[in-house]
Protein backbone atom coordinates (compact mmCIF):
# COMPACT_ATOMS: atom_id res chain seq x y z
CA UNK A 1 51.15 79.15 22.51
CA UNK A 2 51.38 78.87 26.84
CA UNK A 3 51.16 75.68 28.63
CA UNK A 4 47.34 75.31 30.10
CA UNK A 5 48.38 75.82 34.20
CA UNK A 6 45.62 74.27 36.70
CA UNK A 7 44.69 77.49 37.26
CA UNK A 8 43.10 78.61 34.07
CA UNK A 9 41.60 75.35 33.76
CA UNK A 10 39.54 75.62 36.92
CA UNK A 11 38.78 79.28 35.71
CA UNK A 12 38.08 77.99 32.02
CA UNK A 13 35.29 75.25 33.45
CA UNK A 14 34.07 77.63 36.35
CA UNK A 15 32.71 80.46 33.07
CA UNK A 16 31.16 77.66 30.92
CA UNK A 17 29.32 76.55 34.53
CA UNK A 18 28.38 80.11 34.60
CA UNK A 19 27.10 80.22 31.25
CA UNK A 20 25.91 77.19 31.09
CA UNK A 21 23.88 77.77 34.59
CA UNK A 22 22.48 81.77 33.54
CA UNK A 23 21.50 80.22 29.46
CA UNK A 24 17.95 79.64 30.26
CA UNK A 25 17.67 82.88 31.95
CA UNK A 26 18.99 84.84 29.30
CA UNK A 27 16.87 83.46 26.50
CA UNK A 28 14.01 85.25 25.38
CA UNK A 29 10.57 83.94 26.33
CA UNK A 30 9.64 84.33 22.66
CA UNK A 31 12.78 82.40 21.44
CA UNK A 32 11.88 79.65 24.68
CA UNK A 33 9.64 77.66 22.93
CA UNK A 34 7.13 77.25 20.41
CA UNK A 35 4.97 75.83 22.85
CA UNK A 36 4.32 79.09 24.87
CA UNK A 37 0.11 79.63 24.15
CA UNK A 38 -0.86 82.38 22.52
CA UNK A 39 -2.73 85.30 23.35
CA UNK A 40 -6.73 85.51 22.56
CA UNK A 41 -7.98 87.95 20.24
CA UNK A 42 -10.85 89.37 18.87
CA UNK A 43 -11.28 91.69 15.56
CA UNK A 44 -12.87 91.20 11.92
CA UNK A 45 -11.24 90.66 9.04
CA UNK A 46 -12.66 91.39 5.44
CA UNK A 47 -16.43 91.07 6.93
CA UNK A 48 -16.02 88.03 9.61
CA UNK A 49 -15.18 87.83 12.61
CA UNK A 50 -12.78 85.75 14.48
CA UNK A 51 -11.97 84.96 17.41
CA UNK A 52 -9.30 82.80 19.58
CA UNK A 53 -8.88 81.91 23.12
CA UNK A 54 -7.52 79.55 24.65
CA UNK A 55 -9.92 76.06 25.14
CA UNK A 56 -11.03 75.76 28.70
CA UNK A 57 -11.37 72.04 29.19
CA UNK A 58 -14.99 71.49 27.57
CA UNK A 59 -13.94 67.26 27.42
CA UNK A 60 -13.95 67.66 24.12
CA UNK A 61 -10.46 66.87 22.38
CA UNK A 62 -8.52 69.93 21.17
CA UNK A 63 -5.77 69.07 18.17
CA UNK A 64 -5.10 72.35 18.44
CA UNK A 65 -3.39 72.73 22.15
CA UNK A 66 -5.21 73.65 24.17
CA UNK A 67 -6.26 76.77 21.69
CA UNK A 68 -9.91 77.72 20.45
CA UNK A 69 -10.21 79.80 17.07
CA UNK A 70 -13.87 80.72 15.73
CA UNK A 71 -15.42 82.02 12.54
CA UNK A 72 -18.16 84.50 12.65
CA UNK A 73 -18.79 81.96 15.47
CA UNK A 74 -18.52 78.78 14.61
CA UNK A 75 -15.60 77.09 15.30
CA UNK A 76 -12.73 77.01 13.17
CA UNK A 77 -10.91 73.53 13.85
CA UNK A 78 -6.93 74.49 14.02
CA UNK A 79 -3.75 71.56 14.78
CA UNK A 80 -0.61 73.05 15.78
CA UNK A 81 2.75 71.20 14.30
CA UNK A 82 6.02 69.90 16.03
CA UNK A 83 7.70 73.32 14.62
CA UNK A 84 4.92 75.66 15.55
CA UNK A 85 3.23 76.29 12.70
CA UNK A 86 -0.74 76.38 12.97
CA UNK A 87 -3.06 74.74 10.28
CA UNK A 88 -6.73 74.92 9.87
CA UNK A 89 -9.27 72.84 8.18
CA UNK A 90 -9.67 74.76 5.42
CA UNK A 91 -6.20 75.62 4.74
CA UNK A 92 -4.22 72.57 5.86
CA UNK A 93 -1.50 72.42 3.25
CA UNK A 94 -0.34 76.35 3.70
CA UNK A 95 0.78 76.11 7.76
CA UNK A 96 0.63 79.89 9.07
CA UNK A 97 2.82 80.98 12.41
CA UNK A 98 -0.47 81.45 14.53
CA UNK A 99 -3.07 80.90 14.93
CA UNK A 100 -5.16 84.49 14.02
CA UNK A 101 -3.11 84.04 11.12
CA UNK A 102 -4.70 80.73 10.61
CA UNK A 103 -8.05 81.82 11.21
CA UNK A 104 -7.52 84.94 8.28
CA UNK A 105 -5.44 82.10 6.06
CA UNK A 106 -8.97 80.44 6.72
CA UNK A 107 -11.87 83.38 5.70
CA UNK A 108 -9.50 84.18 2.17
CA UNK A 109 -10.28 80.65 1.77
CA UNK A 110 -14.02 80.84 1.98
CA UNK A 111 -13.96 83.20 -0.32
CA UNK A 112 -16.83 84.50 1.50
CA UNK A 113 -18.63 80.71 1.84
CA UNK A 114 -19.97 80.14 5.46
CA UNK A 115 -18.22 78.09 7.89
CA UNK A 116 -19.47 74.84 8.13
CA UNK A 117 -19.25 72.86 11.89
CA UNK A 118 -16.94 70.33 11.88
CA UNK A 119 -18.36 66.59 13.01
CA UNK A 120 -16.96 65.54 16.26
CA UNK A 121 -15.80 62.96 16.49
């Protein structure tokens, strides 16, 4: 095995330093973190209108990391978990990957029943 020379050690250190400093730029935006805010959506799913959008600073505390979801105009309270998944007050024990999926899961769970407003604390 060749002996490690000073030149090889410095070259390896420089390559490692370059790789470490450029790594965050090389990671795609989706993989960079689950704290990226999801975009807005507005669609009809199984005959129900579901909408989602970043929530403004209305003074109301949103567990959904600043994101609001609505089913037929009634707010569906959503919450983002530490792992990036989402849950709602309707499907609390079934985490999903996006707020849109949380709205769809709520519509599935409601089975045609109206979403009732959730009392604010």
